[in-house]
Amino acid sequence: MAAGVASFNGSVPLCQCGGASLDMPDGNGSVSTSSKKKIGYSRVQWPYRVAFYAINAFYVEVFWTALWDYFLVSGDLKLVGYSSVWSLVIYGLAFLCIERLYFVFLEMNMGLIMRGVGYMVLSFAVELAFGLVLQQFDANSWDYSQQFTYHLFGCIALEYAPLWFFGSLLFERLAIEPCTRAAFQSHKHSHVE
């Protein structure tokens, strides 16, 4: 199957870069030669994917911090989570990079464990880079130096390695794969005889 093409039941292309018109499968996942419909599809553009990744990761962070505080800090049943608006930028760009890395890893036939390690390293690198920049403006909303033993400048904590490893693999499955395969259907239909 060509790059940039997703399929319906593994056989009929549904999404192709450039918004080309493609055969529309019937309810069984196959294209009938007697009644083909041409429907235009266009791939979800990168700014929408960045927004999707950013918003979802932002909510995961708020949920995570609420659970962290409940189980490890305060035991407060209010489950108040927190984050920063900067996290939207950080997560959006980080997961766009992870999306690109995902396709590189697939081209290399890289296994699950190595992909997880690659994503984890990238996550640490992005967190460190943004953390150091935000520290210069006193805008960094996280500081791992008080809670963790193995931290670097308070920007990254090696204790989070399993979280970044498993979390990024889960995000690959639940967000990156579906989002990169998604397509917008055009409103123009034409019957092909």
Protein backbone atom coordinates (compact mmCIF):
# COMPACT_ATOMS: atom_id res chain seq x y z
CA MET A 1 0.00 0.00 0.00
CA ALA A 2 1.33 3.46 -0.86
CA ALA A 3 2.57 5.84 1.82
CA GLY A 4 -0.13 8.12 3.17
CA VAL A 5 -2.92 5.69 2.38
CA ALA A 6 -5.14 4.13 5.00
CA SER A 7 -7.43 1.26 4.18
CA PHE A 8 -10.89 0.00 4.99
CA ASN A 9 -10.68 -3.61 6.17
CA GLY A 10 -7.16 -3.70 4.76
CA SER A 11 -8.22 -3.70 1.10
CA VAL A 12 -9.75 -0.49 -0.22
CA PRO A 13 -7.93 2.85 0.11
CA LEU A 14 -9.92 5.45 2.02
CA CYS A 15 -7.46 8.25 2.57
CA GLN A 16 -4.75 9.53 0.33
CA CYS A 17 -2.73 12.72 0.60
CA GLY A 18 -3.82 15.40 -1.80
CA GLY A 19 -7.56 14.76 -1.49
CA ALA A 20 -7.77 12.44 -4.47
CA SER A 21 -11.10 10.84 -5.23
CA LEU A 22 -11.14 7.22 -4.18
CA ASP A 23 -13.46 4.25 -4.58
CA MET A 24 -16.05 4.02 -1.83
CA PRO A 25 -16.49 0.51 -0.42
CA ASP A 26 -19.89 -1.03 0.15
CA GLY A 27 -21.01 -2.24 3.57
CA ASN A 28 -18.90 -5.41 3.26
CA GLY A 29 -15.65 -3.53 2.70
CA SER A 30 -15.44 -4.29 -1.02
CA VAL A 31 -16.01 -2.13 -4.07
CA SER A 32 -18.81 -3.25 -6.32
CA THR A 33 -18.06 -2.83 -10.02
CA SER A 34 -21.73 -2.28 -10.83
CA SER A 35 -22.24 0.72 -8.58
CA LYS A 36 -19.06 2.61 -7.78
CA LYS A 37 -19.30 5.94 -6.06
CA LYS A 38 -16.42 8.37 -6.16
CA ILE A 39 -16.03 10.29 -2.95
CA GLY A 40 -13.30 12.80 -2.24
CA TYR A 41 -11.27 12.40 0.93
CA SER A 42 -8.60 14.66 2.30
CA ARG A 43 -6.18 13.89 5.08
CA VAL A 44 -6.51 15.69 8.42
CA GLN A 45 -4.00 18.54 8.22
CA TRP A 46 -1.15 18.80 10.73
CA PRO A 47 -2.47 21.85 12.66
CA TYR A 48 -5.64 19.92 13.51
CA ARG A 49 -3.61 16.89 14.55
CA VAL A 50 -1.39 19.08 16.76
CA ALA A 51 -4.48 20.55 18.42
CA PHE A 52 -5.95 17.07 18.90
CA TYR A 53 -2.72 15.77 20.45
CA ALA A 54 -2.27 18.85 22.63
CA ILE A 55 -5.78 18.88 24.05
CA ASN A 56 -5.82 15.17 24.76
CA ALA A 57 -2.40 15.18 26.43
CA PHE A 58 -3.38 18.28 28.41
CA TYR A 59 -6.40 16.46 29.84
CA VAL A 60 -4.31 13.39 30.58
CA GLU A 61 -1.87 15.58 32.51
CA VAL A 62 -4.66 17.17 34.55
CA PHE A 63 -6.08 13.72 35.29
CA TRP A 64 -2.59 12.37 36.18
CA THR A 65 -1.79 15.23 38.56
CA ALA A 66 -5.14 14.83 40.29
CA LEU A 67 -4.49 11.13 40.87
CA TRP A 68 -0.87 11.80 41.87
CA ASP A 69 -1.96 14.30 44.51
CA TYR A 70 -4.69 12.01 45.78
CA PHE A 71 -2.59 8.85 46.11
CA LEU A 72 0.85 10.24 46.92
CA VAL A 73 0.44 13.73 48.37
CA SER A 74 -2.79 14.86 49.99
CA GLY A 75 -5.48 12.19 49.75
CA ASP A 76 -7.88 14.99 48.78
CA LEU A 77 -11.03 13.57 47.18
CA LYS A 78 -11.59 16.82 45.27
CA LEU A 79 -9.14 15.36 42.73
CA VAL A 80 -7.96 18.78 41.61
CA GLY A 81 -5.55 18.42 38.70
CA TYR A 82 -3.40 21.12 37.19
CA SER A 83 -1.30 22.00 34.21
CA SER A 84 -0.14 25.05 32.29
CA VAL A 85 -1.20 26.54 28.99
CA TRP A 86 2.43 26.04 27.95
CA SER A 87 1.72 22.33 28.11
CA LEU A 88 -0.59 22.64 25.12
CA VAL A 89 2.31 23.90 23.01
CA ILE A 90 4.75 21.38 24.43
CA TYR A 91 2.47 18.37 24.02
CA GLY A 92 1.24 19.41 20.59
CA LEU A 93 4.75 19.76 19.19
CA ALA A 94 6.10 16.74 21.07
CA PHE A 95 3.41 14.42 19.75
CA LEU A 96 3.78 15.81 16.25
CA CYS A 97 7.46 14.79 16.51
CA ILE A 98 6.44 11.41 17.92
CA GLU A 99 4.02 11.03 15.00
CA ARG A 100 6.87 11.60 12.54
CA LEU A 101 9.05 9.19 14.53
CA TYR A 102 6.23 6.63 14.44
CA PHE A 103 6.38 6.54 10.63
CA VAL A 104 10.18 6.35 10.63
CA PHE A 105 10.02 3.45 13.09
CA LEU A 106 7.43 1.66 10.94
CA GLU A 107 9.65 2.06 7.85
CA MET A 108 12.48 0.50 9.86
CA ASN A 109 10.21 -2.34 11.09
CA MET A 110 11.14 -1.36 14.64
CA GLY A 111 9.53 -3.39 17.39
CA LEU A 112 7.31 -2.17 20.19
CA ILE A 113 10.02 -1.99 22.87
CA MET A 114 12.44 -0.01 20.71
CA ARG A 115 9.64 2.37 19.65
CA GLY A 116 8.79 2.91 23.32
CA VAL A 117 12.43 3.65 24.12
CA GLY A 118 12.66 6.06 21.18
CA TYR A 119 9.50 7.88 22.23
CA MET A 120 10.70 8.02 25.84
CA VAL A 121 14.03 9.58 24.83
CA LEU A 122 12.25 12.11 22.60
CA SER A 123 9.80 12.94 25.42
CA PHE A 124 12.67 13.57 27.83
CA ALA A 125 14.50 15.72 25.25
CA VAL A 126 11.43 17.86 24.56
CA GLU A 127 10.60 18.20 28.27
CA LEU A 128 14.21 19.20 29.05
CA ALA A 129 14.45 21.71 26.18
CA PHE A 130 11.14 23.41 26.96
CA GLY A 131 11.81 23.26 30.69
CA LEU A 132 15.16 25.03 30.34
CA VAL A 133 13.68 27.73 28.09
CA LEU A 134 10.70 28.31 30.38
CA GLN A 135 12.98 28.47 33.44
CA GLN A 136 14.72 31.48 31.84
CA PHE A 137 11.41 33.35 32.02
CA ASP A 138 10.31 31.90 35.37
CA ALA A 139 7.44 30.27 33.46
CA ASN A 140 8.18 26.59 34.07
CA SER A 141 5.18 25.01 35.79
CA TRP A 142 7.03 21.87 36.90
CA ASP A 143 10.06 21.36 39.10
CA TYR A 144 11.12 17.81 39.79
CA SER A 145 14.05 18.78 42.04
CA GLN A 146 12.00 18.65 45.24
CA GLN A 147 10.17 15.35 44.69
CA PHE A 148 12.59 13.18 42.70
CA THR A 149 16.11 11.93 43.24
CA TYR A 150 17.11 11.40 39.61
CA HIS A 151 16.29 14.71 37.95
CA LEU A 152 18.17 16.96 35.55
CA PHE A 153 17.92 20.68 36.40
CA GLY A 154 14.47 19.96 37.83
CA CYS A 155 13.19 19.72 34.25
CA ILE A 156 13.09 15.96 33.78
CA ALA A 157 12.85 13.10 36.26
CA LEU A 158 14.19 9.72 35.27
CA GLU A 159 11.64 8.17 37.60
CA TYR A 160 9.09 9.10 34.92
CA ALA A 161 10.79 6.83 32.35
CA PRO A 162 8.12 4.07 32.64
CA LEU A 163 5.36 6.67 32.34
CA TRP A 164 6.84 8.15 29.15
CA PHE A 165 7.57 4.67 27.78
CA PHE A 166 4.10 3.19 28.28
CA GLY A 167 2.22 6.47 27.92
CA SER A 168 3.70 7.23 24.51
CA LEU A 169 3.00 3.70 23.26
CA LEU A 170 -0.58 4.04 24.45
CA PHE A 171 -0.82 7.43 22.77
CA GLU A 172 0.57 5.87 19.59
CA ARG A 173 -2.26 3.34 19.60
CA LEU A 174 -5.12 5.57 20.78
CA ALA A 175 -4.29 8.91 19.16
CA ILE A 176 -1.55 8.85 16.53
CA GLU A 177 -2.71 5.82 14.54
CA PRO A 178 -6.38 6.87 14.31
CA CYS A 179 -5.59 10.54 13.78
CA THR A 180 -3.17 9.93 10.91
CA ARG A 181 -5.65 7.55 9.27
CA ALA A 182 -8.60 9.87 9.64
CA ALA A 183 -9.99 11.66 6.61
CA PHE A 184 -12.56 14.32 5.94
CA GLN A 185 -15.19 13.30 3.43
CA SER A 186 -16.07 15.87 0.79
CA HIS A 187 -19.69 16.70 0.08
CA LYS A 188 -19.46 16.13 -3.66
CA HIS A 189 -20.67 12.73 -4.83
CA SER A 190 -20.63 11.47 -8.38
CA HIS A 191 -22.02 8.21 -9.63
CA VAL A 192 -19.69 6.24 -11.87
CA GLU A 193 -21.27 3.83 -14.31
